[in-house]
C-alpha cells in the first residue's frame, strides 16, 4: 500500500493512495496521522491494507491525489538517522575536503542523527540562505521502522521495516568541513530534509526489494537536466538491516524512526569514480560528487552548487516506467528571514 500525509496541522492527515498515484481516500478512521498508525502498526497495517484494496477496486469514495498537497509522509519524526551506506560517496566527498578515509568505514556503518522536528514537503521550496554555504541536494532512499529493540541483529532488523520512501537530504557543503573538524558531527550544515509524497510498504516494490535493499535507479535532475541515475541496489556497502542494527546497538528505536541510506552512489565499471551521464555513466545523486570527479579529471570543479531559482527533482520508477513514490520537485527560493 501507499500512504501519504496531506498538509494539515503539524503532523498532517493520513490518506491511502492508489498504486498509480491518481486517487486517495481518507484513512483517519483507522489513524489520524501516519505516526499514530505506526504506533499501532501490527493492528493498523492490516486495516490500512484492506482500505487500499478497496480503493484499488473502486469500492469506496475517493478524491484526486495531488502531490502538491502533501507534507512529508512524517512531517516530523521521533528519529531521523542518516547513514552513509554507499562508501564510494563518502570517499569522494572526503577527498574533496582533503580528508583521509579510515579503513574502518568499509566495515563499520557510518551514521549521524539529523534534525527531525520538521521536514520539508515534496514540493516545498528549499531556502537559499547564503551562496557561500554551498547548497546541495542529496538523493537517498529511506526506511521507516516499527518499534526496534536494542541489540537487534541485522536479519531481524529487516522485519522491522514498515515503509520505504525517498529523501532529499539537503546539505550546505560550505559548512560541513568546519563542523566536522570540531569532532562533533553535522548540525548547521544539515537544514531540513524533504521526503517523497508517499511512503510505500515493501511489498509494493516487488522483486526490486530483497528485504534490505532497493535495486532500482534513483533519478535526479537539476533544472530538468539529468544529474544521476545510479542503482540504489548497487555498491550499497551496508544494507538497511545493517544500518538499523547499527542505530539500535545501544538503544531502542521508536516506531516512526527514519533511517536513511545516505547519498546513492555507484562506481564506474573499472572500479573508479562514476562517470557523468553525458559520458555514458550513471551520474550522481549530489552536486558535490560531480564536482569531485570534475576536479579529478580536469583539475577544478565546473558545476556550481544550487542557487536561488534552481529546480531539483528526485524520483524512482518501476520497470514499467511508473513513478513509485511520486516526485520530490523543489525550487530553491530566497529565504525571507526569521518568522518569529
Protein backbone atom coordinates (compact mmCIF):
# COMPACT_ATOMS: atom_id res chain seq x y z
CA UNK A 1 0.00 0.00 0.00
CA UNK A 2 0.94 3.62 -0.44
CA UNK A 3 0.43 6.21 2.31
CA UNK A 4 0.65 9.99 2.33
CA UNK A 5 0.12 12.87 4.74
CA UNK A 6 -1.86 15.78 3.38
CA UNK A 7 -0.90 19.14 4.84
CA UNK A 8 -2.95 19.77 7.97
CA UNK A 9 -1.58 20.92 11.31
CA UNK A 10 1.86 19.81 12.38
CA UNK A 11 1.50 16.10 11.65
CA UNK A 12 -0.65 16.01 8.53
CA UNK A 13 -3.77 13.97 7.72
CA UNK A 14 -3.30 10.33 6.77
CA UNK A 15 -4.61 9.09 3.42
CA UNK A 16 -4.22 5.87 1.46
CA UNK A 17 -3.11 6.45 -2.14
CA UNK A 18 -3.76 4.32 -5.22
CA UNK A 19 -0.86 2.46 -6.81
CA UNK A 20 -0.89 4.79 -9.82
CA UNK A 21 -0.83 7.86 -7.55
CA UNK A 22 -4.01 9.30 -9.05
CA UNK A 23 -6.58 8.73 -6.27
CA UNK A 24 -6.66 8.79 -2.48
CA UNK A 25 -9.08 8.05 0.32
CA UNK A 26 -9.25 9.18 3.91
CA UNK A 27 -7.69 6.86 6.49
CA UNK A 28 -8.40 8.93 9.59
CA UNK A 29 -10.93 6.44 10.97
CA UNK A 30 -8.03 4.00 11.30
CA UNK A 31 -5.39 6.53 12.35
CA UNK A 32 -5.44 10.34 12.16
CA UNK A 33 -1.75 10.56 11.27
CA UNK A 34 0.94 8.27 9.94
CA UNK A 35 2.74 8.39 13.28
CA UNK A 36 -0.43 7.21 15.03
CA UNK A 37 -0.64 4.33 12.54
CA UNK A 38 2.99 3.38 13.17
CA UNK A 39 2.46 3.48 16.93
CA UNK A 40 -0.16 0.75 16.44
CA UNK A 41 1.33 -0.81 13.31
CA UNK A 42 0.51 -4.51 13.99
CA UNK A 43 -3.18 -3.55 14.23
CA UNK A 44 -3.29 -0.59 11.87
CA UNK A 45 -1.33 -2.03 8.93
CA UNK A 46 -3.85 -4.80 8.05
CA UNK A 47 -6.74 -2.33 8.24
CA UNK A 48 -4.90 0.17 6.03
CA UNK A 49 -4.04 -2.60 3.57
CA UNK A 50 -7.71 -3.59 3.37
CA UNK A 51 -8.61 0.05 2.74
CA UNK A 52 -6.01 0.18 -0.03
CA UNK A 53 -7.54 -2.92 -1.61
CA UNK A 54 -11.00 -1.34 -1.64
CA UNK A 55 -9.56 1.84 -3.11
CA UNK A 56 -7.98 -0.11 -5.99
CA UNK A 57 -11.27 -1.91 -6.60
CA UNK A 58 -13.22 1.36 -6.67
CA UNK A 59 -15.40 0.29 -3.76
CA UNK A 60 -15.23 3.45 -1.66
CA UNK A 61 -15.27 7.23 -2.07
CA UNK A 62 -12.02 8.75 -3.27
CA UNK A 63 -10.61 12.05 -4.47
CA UNK A 64 -7.88 13.15 -6.83
CA UNK A 65 -4.44 12.81 -5.28
CA UNK A 66 -2.24 15.86 -5.73
CA UNK A 67 1.40 15.61 -4.76
CA UNK A 68 1.46 19.38 -4.23
CA UNK A 69 -0.93 18.93 -1.29
CA UNK A 70 1.43 16.61 0.56
CA UNK A 71 3.59 17.18 3.56
CA UNK A 72 6.41 14.72 4.12
CA UNK A 73 4.87 11.31 4.97
CA UNK A 74 6.08 12.02 8.51
CA UNK A 75 6.06 15.84 8.76
CA UNK A 76 8.12 15.44 11.93
CA UNK A 77 9.58 12.29 13.43
CA UNK A 78 10.94 10.95 16.69
CA UNK A 79 14.16 9.96 14.92
CA UNK A 80 15.96 10.79 11.68
CA UNK A 81 19.23 8.90 11.47
CA UNK A 82 21.03 9.07 8.17
CA UNK A 83 23.67 6.56 7.19
CA UNK A 84 26.41 6.57 4.58
CA UNK A 85 25.84 3.13 3.14
CA UNK A 86 27.44 3.98 -0.22
CA UNK A 87 31.03 4.25 0.89
CA UNK A 88 32.08 5.30 -2.60
CA UNK A 89 30.26 8.59 -1.95
CA UNK A 90 31.96 9.03 1.42
CA UNK A 91 35.39 8.52 -0.13
CA UNK A 92 34.76 11.10 -2.83
CA UNK A 93 33.36 13.88 -0.64
CA UNK A 94 36.14 13.37 1.92
CA UNK A 95 38.67 13.67 -0.89
CA UNK A 96 37.03 16.98 -1.84
CA UNK A 97 37.85 18.45 1.54
CA UNK A 98 41.29 16.82 1.81
CA UNK A 99 40.32 14.29 4.49
CA UNK A 100 41.63 10.73 4.53
CA UNK A 101 39.08 7.95 4.85
CA UNK A 102 39.72 5.42 7.64
CA UNK A 103 39.68 1.79 6.52
CA UNK A 104 37.03 1.07 9.18
CA UNK A 105 34.46 2.94 7.09
CA UNK A 106 34.26 -0.14 4.85
CA UNK A 107 33.38 -2.44 7.75
CA UNK A 108 31.58 -0.30 10.34
CA UNK A 109 28.49 1.73 9.27
CA UNK A 110 28.64 5.49 9.47
CA UNK A 111 25.51 7.24 10.72
CA UNK A 112 24.55 10.64 12.09
CA UNK A 113 21.46 11.91 13.90
CA UNK A 114 19.71 14.61 11.88
CA UNK A 115 17.12 17.19 12.81
CA UNK A 116 13.68 15.58 12.81
CA UNK A 117 11.49 18.26 14.37
CA UNK A 118 10.31 19.49 10.97
CA UNK A 119 10.73 18.21 7.41
CA UNK A 120 10.03 19.82 4.06
CA UNK A 121 7.19 18.54 1.92
CA UNK A 122 7.96 17.20 -1.57
CA UNK A 123 7.02 20.49 -3.24
CA UNK A 124 8.17 22.91 -0.53
CA UNK A 125 10.90 25.38 -1.57
CA UNK A 126 14.46 24.89 -0.38
CA UNK A 127 15.56 28.05 1.49
CA UNK A 128 18.58 29.77 -0.06
CA UNK A 129 20.46 31.35 2.82
CA UNK A 130 23.89 32.35 1.52
CA UNK A 131 25.81 31.47 -1.65
CA UNK A 132 28.90 30.76 0.47
CA UNK A 133 27.06 27.90 2.18
CA UNK A 134 27.22 25.73 -0.95
CA UNK A 135 23.65 24.42 -1.18
CA UNK A 136 23.46 20.83 -2.46
CA UNK A 137 20.85 18.13 -2.93
CA UNK A 138 21.42 14.53 -1.85
CA UNK A 139 19.11 11.88 -3.31
CA UNK A 140 18.61 8.92 -0.99
CA UNK A 141 16.34 6.03 -0.07
CA UNK A 142 14.99 5.79 3.48
CA UNK A 143 13.01 3.32 5.54
CA UNK A 144 10.59 3.90 8.39
CA UNK A 145 10.68 1.39 11.22
CA UNK A 146 8.28 -0.20 13.61
CA UNK A 147 9.47 -0.34 17.23
CA UNK A 148 13.01 -1.74 17.21
CA UNK A 149 14.54 -3.28 20.35
CA UNK A 150 18.13 -2.50 21.23
CA UNK A 151 20.84 -5.01 20.27
CA UNK A 152 18.76 -6.40 17.42
CA UNK A 153 20.60 -8.34 14.72
CA UNK A 154 20.71 -7.24 11.10
CA UNK A 155 18.49 -10.08 9.85
CA UNK A 156 15.84 -9.46 12.50
CA UNK A 157 16.05 -5.72 11.82
CA UNK A 158 14.83 -6.30 8.27
CA UNK A 159 11.49 -7.45 9.68
CA UNK A 160 11.06 -4.11 11.47
CA UNK A 161 10.94 -2.10 8.23
CA UNK A 162 7.40 -0.78 7.82
CA UNK A 163 7.75 1.68 4.94
CA UNK A 164 10.15 2.87 2.24
CA UNK A 165 10.42 6.41 0.80
CA UNK A 166 12.81 8.83 -0.91
CA UNK A 167 14.76 11.72 0.60
CA UNK A 168 16.42 14.93 -0.46
CA UNK A 169 18.93 15.30 2.35
CA UNK A 170 19.71 18.99 1.82
CA UNK A 171 23.33 19.81 2.65
CA UNK A 172 25.29 23.04 2.99
CA UNK A 173 28.70 21.93 1.73
CA UNK A 174 30.40 25.16 2.70
CA UNK A 175 29.72 24.44 6.36
CA UNK A 176 30.49 20.72 6.59
CA UNK A 177 34.29 20.87 6.82
CA UNK A 178 34.38 23.34 9.71
CA UNK A 179 31.67 21.47 11.60
CA UNK A 180 33.26 18.06 11.19
CA UNK A 181 36.64 19.48 12.18
CA UNK A 182 35.19 20.09 15.64
CA UNK A 183 34.70 16.33 16.00
CA UNK A 184 31.05 16.62 16.99
CA UNK A 185 29.19 16.00 13.72
CA UNK A 186 26.75 17.83 11.45
CA UNK A 187 24.34 20.47 12.68
CA UNK A 188 24.16 23.80 10.83
CA UNK A 189 25.23 22.13 7.59
CA UNK A 190 22.11 19.95 7.62
CA UNK A 191 18.94 22.05 7.30
CA UNK A 192 15.51 20.45 6.87
CA UNK A 193 15.33 17.44 4.55
CA UNK A 194 12.48 16.78 2.12
CA UNK A 195 10.70 13.46 1.54
CA UNK A 196 8.71 11.90 -1.27
CA UNK A 197 4.94 12.42 -1.46
CA UNK A 198 4.20 8.82 -0.50
CA UNK A 199 5.77 6.11 1.61
CA UNK A 200 5.15 2.54 0.47
CA UNK A 201 5.11 -0.84 2.14
CA UNK A 202 7.93 -3.12 0.95
CA UNK A 203 5.52 -5.49 -0.82
CA UNK A 204 4.74 -2.71 -3.32
CA UNK A 205 8.33 -2.91 -4.58
CA UNK A 206 8.14 -6.48 -5.87
CA UNK A 207 11.36 -8.18 -6.92
CA UNK A 208 13.28 -4.89 -6.68
CA UNK A 209 13.17 -5.22 -2.88
CA UNK A 210 15.19 -8.06 -1.31
CA UNK A 211 14.26 -7.23 2.26
CA UNK A 212 17.02 -4.71 2.85
CA UNK A 213 18.00 -3.05 -0.45
CA UNK A 214 16.04 -1.49 -3.30
CA UNK A 215 17.51 -2.36 -6.70
CA UNK A 216 16.18 0.39 -8.95
CA UNK A 217 17.76 3.54 -10.42
CA UNK A 218 17.30 6.71 -8.39
CA UNK A 219 16.74 9.59 -10.79
CA UNK A 220 17.93 13.13 -10.04
CA UNK A 221 17.55 16.26 -12.17
CA UNK A 222 18.73 19.86 -11.79
CA UNK A 223 16.86 22.42 -13.91
CA UNK A 224 15.39 19.50 -15.90
CA UNK A 225 18.85 18.22 -16.88
CA UNK A 226 19.67 14.66 -15.73
CA UNK A 227 22.18 14.60 -12.88
CA UNK A 228 22.15 10.93 -11.94
CA UNK A 229 20.54 7.52 -12.27
CA UNK A 230 22.64 5.27 -10.01
CA UNK A 231 21.05 1.99 -8.97
CA UNK A 232 20.26 2.03 -5.26
CA UNK A 233 20.86 -1.73 -5.08
CA UNK A 234 24.43 -1.48 -6.37
CA UNK A 235 27.51 -0.58 -4.29
CA UNK A 236 25.45 -0.39 -1.07
CA UNK A 237 28.11 -1.49 1.40
CA UNK A 238 25.64 -1.67 4.32
CA UNK A 239 22.03 -2.65 3.69
CA UNK A 240 19.12 -1.33 5.74
CA UNK A 241 19.26 -4.30 8.11
CA UNK A 242 22.85 -3.41 8.97
CA UNK A 243 22.02 0.30 9.32
CA UNK A 244 19.07 -0.33 11.64
CA UNK A 245 21.05 -2.78 13.76
CA UNK A 246 23.88 -0.26 13.99
CA UNK A 247 21.49 2.51 15.09
CA UNK A 248 19.95 0.20 17.70
CA UNK A 249 23.22 -1.17 19.06
CA UNK A 250 22.85 0.57 22.44
CA UNK A 251 19.26 1.88 22.44
CA UNK A 252 15.82 1.03 21.17
CA UNK A 253 14.28 2.90 18.23
CA UNK A 254 10.71 4.14 18.48
CA UNK A 255 8.13 3.33 15.84
CA UNK A 256 8.37 6.01 13.17
CA UNK A 257 12.15 6.21 13.22
CA UNK A 258 13.54 7.12 9.79
CA UNK A 259 16.80 5.53 8.67
CA UNK A 260 18.42 6.95 5.55
CA UNK A 261 20.75 5.19 3.13
CA UNK A 262 22.99 8.15 2.53
CA UNK A 263 23.63 9.51 -0.96
CA UNK A 264 23.17 6.76 -3.55
CA UNK A 265 26.42 6.37 -5.46
CA UNK A 266 27.75 3.86 -8.00
CA UNK A 267 31.35 3.27 -9.01
CA UNK A 268 32.34 3.01 -12.66
CA UNK A 269 32.75 -0.42 -14.22
CA UNK A 270 36.52 -0.19 -13.73
CA UNK A 271 36.07 0.45 -10.01
CA UNK A 272 36.90 4.14 -10.26
CA UNK A 273 34.62 7.12 -9.65
CA UNK A 274 31.32 7.11 -11.51
CA UNK A 275 31.11 8.97 -14.78
CA UNK A 276 28.66 11.73 -15.76
CA UNK A 277 25.56 10.71 -17.69
CA UNK A 278 26.81 12.74 -20.66
CA UNK A 279 29.84 10.44 -20.80
CA UNK A 280 27.84 7.24 -20.61
CA UNK A 281 27.97 6.84 -16.83
CA UNK A 282 25.22 6.63 -14.23
CA UNK A 283 25.88 10.15 -12.97
CA UNK A 284 25.50 11.33 -9.40
CA UNK A 285 22.94 11.91 -6.65
CA UNK A 286 24.54 15.13 -5.44
CA UNK A 287 26.50 18.01 -6.92
CA UNK A 288 29.47 17.56 -4.59
CA UNK A 289 30.24 14.16 -6.09
CA UNK A 290 30.10 15.52 -9.63
CA UNK A 291 32.37 18.39 -8.62
CA UNK A 292 34.93 15.97 -7.17
CA UNK A 293 35.02 13.94 -10.36
CA UNK A 294 35.37 17.13 -12.41
CA UNK A 295 38.34 18.10 -10.24
CA UNK A 296 39.96 14.67 -10.62
CA UNK A 297 39.59 14.78 -14.39
CA UNK A 298 40.06 18.47 -15.18
CA UNK A 299 41.77 19.92 -12.13
CA UNK A 300 38.84 22.03 -10.95
CA UNK A 301 35.05 21.74 -10.49
CA UNK A 302 32.86 23.22 -13.20
CA UNK A 303 29.40 22.57 -11.77
CA UNK A 304 28.13 25.23 -9.35
CA UNK A 305 26.13 24.48 -6.26
CA UNK A 306 22.42 25.36 -6.21
CA UNK A 307 21.32 28.97 -6.29
CA UNK A 308 18.01 30.79 -5.97
CA UNK A 309 15.65 29.82 -8.80
CA UNK A 310 17.21 26.42 -9.47
CA UNK A 311 14.89 23.40 -9.60
CA UNK A 312 15.59 19.85 -8.49
CA UNK A 313 13.65 16.62 -9.00
CA UNK A 314 14.18 13.22 -7.37
CA UNK A 315 12.14 10.19 -8.39
CA UNK A 316 12.20 6.41 -8.75
CA UNK A 317 10.28 4.47 -11.39
CA UNK A 318 9.33 0.82 -11.63
CA UNK A 319 10.16 -1.50 -14.54
CA UNK A 320 7.18 -0.14 -16.48
CA UNK A 321 8.31 3.46 -16.02
CA UNK A 322 5.67 4.38 -13.43
CA UNK A 323 6.58 6.63 -10.51
CA UNK A 324 6.63 4.62 -7.27
CA UNK A 325 6.86 7.29 -4.58
CA UNK A 326 5.87 10.39 -6.53
CA UNK A 327 8.49 13.07 -7.07
CA UNK A 328 10.40 15.39 -4.80
CA UNK A 329 10.27 18.50 -7.00
CA UNK A 330 11.58 21.63 -5.31
CA UNK A 331 12.70 25.10 -6.26
CA UNK A 332 15.43 26.97 -4.42
CA UNK A 333 13.92 30.16 -3.04
CA UNK A 334 15.50 33.16 -1.31
CA UNK A 335 14.98 32.85 2.43
CA UNK A 336 12.79 35.57 3.92
CA UNK A 337 14.49 35.55 7.28
CA UNK A 338 13.14 34.76 10.76
CA UNK A 339 9.40 34.08 11.03
CA UNK A 340 9.13 34.88 14.72
